[in-house]
C-alpha atoms as a PDB file:
ATOM      1  CA  MET A   1     125.060 -40.763 -31.025  1.00  0.00           C
ATOM      2  CA  ILE A   2     121.350 -41.331 -30.377  1.00  0.00           C
ATOM      3  CA  ARG A   3     120.293 -42.250 -26.913  1.00  0.00           C
ATOM      4  CA  PRO A   4     117.578 -44.872 -26.547  1.00  0.00           C
ATOM      5  CA  VAL A   5     114.255 -43.729 -25.076  1.00  0.00           C
ATOM      6  CA  PRO A   6     113.562 -45.501 -21.778  1.00  0.00           C
ATOM      7  CA  LYS A   7     110.572 -47.799 -21.636  1.00  0.00           C
ATOM      8  CA  PRO A   8     107.598 -46.496 -19.663  1.00  0.00           C
ATOM      9  CA  VAL A   9     107.340 -48.070 -16.242  1.00  0.00           C
ATOM     10  CA  ARG A  10     103.984 -49.020 -14.793  1.00  0.00           C
ATOM     11  CA  ALA A  11     103.052 -47.790 -11.370  1.00  0.00           C
ATOM     12  CA  PRO A  12     102.886 -50.543  -8.801  1.00  0.00           C
ATOM     13  CA  LYS A  13      99.414 -51.965  -8.197  1.00  0.00           C
ATOM     14  CA  ARG A  14      97.782 -50.813  -5.007  1.00  0.00           C
ATOM     15  CA  LYS A  15      96.215 -53.195  -2.608  1.00  0.00           C
ATOM     16  CA  PRO A  16      92.398 -53.131  -2.789  1.00  0.00           C
ATOM     17  CA  GLN A  17      90.907 -51.379   0.213  1.00  0.00           C
ATOM     18  CA  PRO A  18      88.297 -53.262   2.213  1.00  0.00           C
ATOM     19  CA  LEU A  19      84.789 -51.761   2.283  1.00  0.00           C
ATOM     20  CA  ARG A  20      83.888 -49.990   5.459  1.00  0.00           C
ATOM     21  CA  ARG A  21      80.508 -51.059   6.719  1.00  0.00           C
ATOM     22  CA  GLY A  22      80.286 -48.888   9.823  1.00  0.00           C
ATOM     23  CA  LYS A  23      78.033 -46.152   8.445  1.00  0.00           C
ATOM     24  CA  PRO A  24      75.335 -46.326   5.773  1.00  0.00           C
ATOM     25  CA  LEU A  25      75.832 -44.286   2.644  1.00  0.00           C
ATOM     26  CA  GLU A  26      74.380 -40.813   3.097  1.00  0.00           C
ATOM     27  CA  ARG A  27      74.112 -37.967   0.679  1.00  0.00           C
ATOM     28  CA  SER A  28      72.879 -34.453   1.327  1.00  0.00           C
ATOM     29  CA  TRP A  29      69.745 -35.061  -0.738  1.00  0.00           C
ATOM     30  CA  MET A  30      68.954 -38.179   1.328  1.00  0.00           C
ATOM     31  CA  ARG A  31      68.689 -36.338   4.626  1.00  0.00           C
ATOM     32  CA  LYS A  32      65.206 -36.168   5.980  1.00  0.00           C
ATOM     33  CA  GLY A  33      63.428 -33.271   7.606  1.00  0.00           C
ATOM     34  CA  ALA A  34      62.733 -29.674   6.719  1.00  0.00           C
ATOM     35  CA  LYS A  35      65.517 -27.217   6.240  1.00  0.00           C
ATOM     36  CA  LYS A  36      65.931 -24.850   9.134  1.00  0.00           C
ATOM     37  CA  THR A  37      66.460 -21.666   7.188  1.00  0.00           C
ATOM     38  CA  LYS A  38      65.067 -18.199   7.644  1.00  0.00           C
ATOM     39  CA  HIS A  39      62.712 -18.751   4.699  1.00  0.00           C
ATOM     40  CA  SER A  40      61.147 -21.882   6.163  1.00  0.00           C
ATOM     41  CA  ARG A  41      60.379 -20.049   9.410  1.00  0.00           C
ATOM     42  CA  ARG A  42      58.668 -17.014   7.969  1.00  0.00           C
ATOM     43  CA  PRO A  43      54.942 -16.664   8.614  1.00  0.00           C
ATOM     44  CA  ARG A  44      52.815 -17.334   5.556  1.00  0.00           C
ATOM     45  CA  GLU A  45      49.277 -16.180   4.878  1.00  0.00           C
ATOM     46  CA  PHE A  46      48.065 -18.378   2.064  1.00  0.00           C
ATOM     47  CA  GLY A  47      44.435 -17.333   2.601  1.00  0.00           C
ATOM     48  CA  PHE A  48      45.398 -13.692   2.073  1.00  0.00           C
ATOM     49  CA  ILE A  49      47.307 -14.564  -1.102  1.00  0.00           C
ATOM     50  CA  SER A  50      44.320 -16.523  -2.488  1.00  0.00           C
ATOM     51  CA  PHE A  51      42.024 -13.620  -1.653  1.00  0.00           C
ATOM     52  CA  CYS A  52      44.332 -11.170  -3.463  1.00  0.00           C
ATOM     53  CA  HIS A  53      44.432 -13.399  -6.535  1.00  0.00           C
ATOM     54  CA  ALA A  54      40.646 -13.348  -6.692  1.00  0.00           C
ATOM     55  CA  ARG A  55      40.596  -9.540  -6.469  1.00  0.00           C
ATOM     56  CA  GLY A  56      42.811  -9.069  -9.497  1.00  0.00           C
ATOM     57  CA  CYS A  57      45.478  -6.497 -10.245  1.00  0.00           C
ATOM     58  CA  GLU A  58      45.638  -3.656  -7.731  1.00  0.00           C
ATOM     59  CA  LEU A  59      46.493  -1.156 -10.454  1.00  0.00           C
ATOM     60  CA  ALA A  60      43.265  -2.009 -12.287  1.00  0.00           C
ATOM     61  CA  LEU A  61      41.280  -1.660  -9.039  1.00  0.00           C
ATOM     62  CA  ASP A  62      42.852   1.654  -8.099  1.00  0.00           C
ATOM     63  CA  ARG A  63      41.363   4.160 -10.562  1.00  0.00           C
ATOM     64  CA  ASP A  64      42.880   7.146  -8.727  1.00  0.00           C
ATOM     65  CA  THR A  65      46.399   5.823  -9.192  1.00  0.00           C
ATOM     66  CA  GLN A  66      45.877   5.344 -12.897  1.00  0.00           C
ATOM     67  CA  ARG A  67      44.608   8.915 -13.195  1.00  0.00           C
ATOM     68  CA  ILE A  68      47.564  10.284 -11.225  1.00  0.00           C
ATOM     69  CA  LEU A  69      50.123   8.316 -13.219  1.00  0.00           C
ATOM     70  CA  GLY A  70      48.411   8.805 -16.588  1.00  0.00           C
ATOM     71  CA  ILE A  71      48.522   5.070 -17.361  1.00  0.00           C
ATOM     72  CA  VAL A  72      46.271   3.390 -19.867  1.00  0.00           C
ATOM     73  CA  HIS A  73      46.799  -0.254 -18.996  1.00  0.00           C
ATOM     74  CA  ASP A  74      44.185  -3.003 -19.225  1.00  0.00           C
ATOM     75  CA  CYS A  75      45.057  -5.745 -16.730  1.00  0.00           C
ATOM     76  CA  ALA A  76      41.880  -7.760 -17.332  1.00  0.00           C
ATOM     77  CA  PHE A  77      43.405 -10.372 -19.637  1.00  0.00           C
ATOM     78  CA  GLU A  78      46.769 -10.816 -17.927  1.00  0.00           C
ATOM     79  CA  ARG A  79      47.895 -13.393 -15.404  1.00  0.00           C
ATOM     80  CA  VAL A  80      47.997 -12.116 -11.827  1.00  0.00           C
ATOM     81  CA  GLU A  81      50.973 -12.711  -9.491  1.00  0.00           C
ATOM     82  CA  PHE A  82      51.439 -11.944  -5.812  1.00  0.00           C
ATOM     83  CA  ALA A  83      54.059  -9.223  -5.431  1.00  0.00           C
ATOM     84  CA  HIS A  84      55.899  -8.943  -2.112  1.00  0.00           C
ATOM     85  CA  LEU A  85      56.055  -5.191  -1.634  1.00  0.00           C
ATOM     86  CA  GLY A  86      57.305  -4.884   1.941  1.00  0.00           C
ATOM     87  CA  ASP A  87      60.309  -2.722   2.776  1.00  0.00           C
ATOM     88  CA  LYS A  88      61.893  -5.175   5.168  1.00  0.00           C
ATOM     89  CA  ARG A  89      63.035  -8.662   4.365  1.00  0.00           C
ATOM     90  CA  ARG A  90      60.205 -11.043   3.524  1.00  0.00           C
ATOM     91  CA  TYR A  91      61.180 -13.667   6.083  1.00  0.00           C
ATOM     92  CA  GLU A  92      60.891 -11.133   8.917  1.00  0.00           C
ATOM     93  CA  VAL A  93      57.542  -9.547   8.168  1.00  0.00           C
ATOM     94  CA  GLY A  94      55.516 -12.197   6.366  1.00  0.00           C
ATOM     95  CA  ASP A  95      53.366 -11.524   3.349  1.00  0.00           C
ATOM     96  CA  ILE A  96      53.085  -7.779   2.786  1.00  0.00           C
ATOM     97  CA  GLY A  97      52.002  -7.237  -0.740  1.00  0.00           C
ATOM     98  CA  ALA A  98      49.273  -7.292  -3.294  1.00  0.00           C
ATOM     99  CA  CYS A  99      48.439  -9.045  -6.511  1.00  0.00           C
ATOM    100  CA  LEU A 100      49.599  -7.285  -9.630  1.00  0.00           C
ATOM    101  CA  CYS A 101      49.343  -8.305 -13.245  1.00  0.00           C
ATOM    102  CA  VAL A 102      52.498  -9.718 -14.813  1.00  0.00           C
ATOM    103  CA  THR A 103      53.363  -6.479 -16.639  1.00  0.00           C
ATOM    104  CA  VAL A 104      53.175  -4.315 -13.541  1.00  0.00           C
ATOM    105  CA  HIS A 105      54.823  -6.857 -11.217  1.00  0.00           C
ATOM    106  CA  ARG A 106      57.771  -7.494 -13.500  1.00  0.00           C
ATOM    107  CA  GLY A 107      57.962  -3.801 -14.379  1.00  0.00           C
ATOM    108  CA  ILE A 108      58.365  -2.663 -10.809  1.00  0.00           C
ATOM    109  CA  ASP A 109      60.145  -5.917  -9.970  1.00  0.00           C
ATOM    110  CA  GLY A 110      58.939  -5.836  -6.378  1.00  0.00           C
ATOM    111  CA  ARG A 111      61.598  -3.364  -5.246  1.00  0.00           C
ATOM    112  CA  LEU A 112      62.638   0.241  -5.632  1.00  0.00           C
ATOM    113  CA  GLY A 113      64.117   1.141  -8.978  1.00  0.00           C
ATOM    114  CA  GLY A 114      61.963  -0.714 -11.454  1.00  0.00           C
ATOM    115  CA  LYS A 115      61.852  -0.714 -15.217  1.00  0.00           C
ATOM    116  CA  LEU A 116      58.556   0.806 -16.322  1.00  0.00           C
ATOM    117  CA  SER A 117      58.864   4.425 -17.424  1.00  0.00           C
ATOM    118  CA  TRP A 118      56.012   5.719 -15.234  1.00  0.00           C
ATOM    119  CA  TYR A 119      57.456   3.854 -12.231  1.00  0.00           C
ATOM    120  CA  VAL A 120      60.956   5.242 -12.751  1.00  0.00           C
ATOM    121  CA  GLU A 121      59.586   8.797 -13.135  1.00  0.00           C
ATOM    122  CA  LEU A 122      57.938   8.575  -9.689  1.00  0.00           C
ATOM    123  CA  GLY A 123      61.309   8.674  -7.981  1.00  0.00           C
ATOM    124  CA  ARG A 124      62.265   6.796  -4.849  1.00  0.00           C
ATOM    125  CA  ALA A 125      59.677   8.395  -2.553  1.00  0.00           C
ATOM    126  CA  GLY A 126      56.865   8.019  -5.088  1.00  0.00           C
ATOM    127  CA  GLN A 127      57.744   4.381  -5.713  1.00  0.00           C
ATOM    128  CA  HIS A 128      57.616   3.709  -1.990  1.00  0.00           C
ATOM    129  CA  LEU A 129      54.205   5.411  -1.706  1.00  0.00           C
ATOM    130  CA  ILE A 130      52.659   3.559  -4.643  1.00  0.00           C
ATOM    131  CA  ARG A 131      53.897   0.184  -3.372  1.00  0.00           C
ATOM    132  CA  MET A 132      52.548   0.840   0.109  1.00  0.00           C
ATOM    133  CA  ARG A 133      49.261   2.079  -1.339  1.00  0.00           C
ATOM    134  CA  PHE A 134      48.781  -1.211  -3.216  1.00  0.00           C
ATOM    135  CA  ALA A 135      49.744  -3.257  -0.146  1.00  0.00           C
ATOM    136  CA  ASN A 136      47.547  -1.231   2.232  1.00  0.00           C
ATOM    137  CA  ARG A 137      44.493  -1.448  -0.040  1.00  0.00           C
ATOM    138  CA  ALA A 138      44.819  -5.227  -0.263  1.00  0.00           C
ATOM    139  CA  ARG A 139      45.339  -5.551   3.508  1.00  0.00           C
ATOM    140  CA  ALA A 140      42.384  -3.257   4.257  1.00  0.00           C
ATOM    141  CA  ALA A 141      40.116  -5.372   2.059  1.00  0.00           C
ATOM    142  CA  TRP A 142      41.352  -8.528   3.834  1.00  0.00           C
ATOM    143  CA  ASP A 143      40.804  -6.976   7.280  1.00  0.00           C
ATOM    144  CA  ALA A 144      37.236  -6.002   6.307  1.00  0.00           C
ATOM    145  CA  LEU A 145      36.303  -9.670   5.848  1.00  0.00           C
ATOM    146  CA  THR A 146      34.414 -11.534   8.548  1.00  0.00           C
ATOM    147  CA  PRO A 147      36.129 -14.478  10.278  1.00  0.00           C
ATOM    148  CA  ALA A 148      33.886 -16.913   8.361  1.00  0.00           C
ATOM    149  CA  GLU A 149      34.925 -15.409   5.025  1.00  0.00           C
ATOM    150  CA  ARG A 150      38.590 -15.549   6.028  1.00  0.00           C
ATOM    151  CA  GLU A 151      38.214 -19.216   6.972  1.00  0.00           C
ATOM    152  CA  ARG A 152      36.675 -19.877   3.549  1.00  0.00           C
ATOM    153  CA  TRP A 153      39.708 -18.310   1.852  1.00  0.00           C
ATOM    154  CA  GLU A 154      42.012 -20.385   4.072  1.00  0.00           C
ATOM    155  CA  GLU A 155      40.178 -23.520   2.869  1.00  0.00           C
ATOM    156  CA  VAL A 156      40.591 -22.401  -0.738  1.00  0.00           C
ATOM    157  CA  ALA A 157      44.314 -21.946  -0.148  1.00  0.00           C
ATOM    158  CA  ARG A 158      44.627 -25.371   1.543  1.00  0.00           C
ATOM    159  CA  ALA A 159      42.844 -27.024  -1.374  1.00  0.00           C
ATOM    160  CA  ARG A 160      45.119 -25.282  -3.860  1.00  0.00           C
ATOM    161  CA  LEU A 161      48.245 -26.314  -1.934  1.00  0.00           C
ATOM    162  CA  SER A 162      47.113 -29.932  -1.589  1.00  0.00           C
ATOM    163  CA  SER A 163      46.403 -30.140  -5.319  1.00  0.00           C
ATOM    164  CA  LEU A 164      49.877 -28.771  -6.052  1.00  0.00           C
ATOM    165  CA  ARG A 165      51.551 -31.233  -3.693  1.00  0.00           C
ATOM    166  CA  ALA A 166      49.622 -34.286  -4.880  1.00  0.00           C
ATOM    167  CA  PRO A 167      51.695 -36.779  -6.877  1.00  0.00           C
ATOM    168  CA  ARG A 168      51.008 -36.749 -10.600  1.00  0.00           C
ATOM    169  CA  ARG A 169      49.727 -39.856 -12.327  1.00  0.00           C
ATOM    170  CA  ARG A 170      51.557 -40.987 -15.408  1.00  0.00           C
END
């Protein structure tokens, strides 16, 4: 004997809930104000970064390093990036670093280890020394500037930042 299949039963309709008007709709992306994170608090030296960009790649400037490492690398036609080379966390110490061309910056990757063969062969102590040598040379050149020259680089950095933050016309 075949049993009949029961008909599906609909769930009872729920009462519509009234809208609550006590609080306006708020999403996380609607909140105003700067984030209070460790990265937003770190000291920035945009004038120093602009100055380093104008100098070019530190490896190209440091002829002794190229002789020691036996590198034949022409950085003249490559884009230059600011590499944070400090040992401590960036948000604690500010901008310790130097500008390196894309090949060198991505090859050493801003930290110990790296990918380039000459950088790996240096070992941990050698990598630390070469990074600090680049950073110290850039900082020494910045410290040798007069206050008027530093202020000029700060203005260059402010102009660059304002042009980046300006709304684009469509």
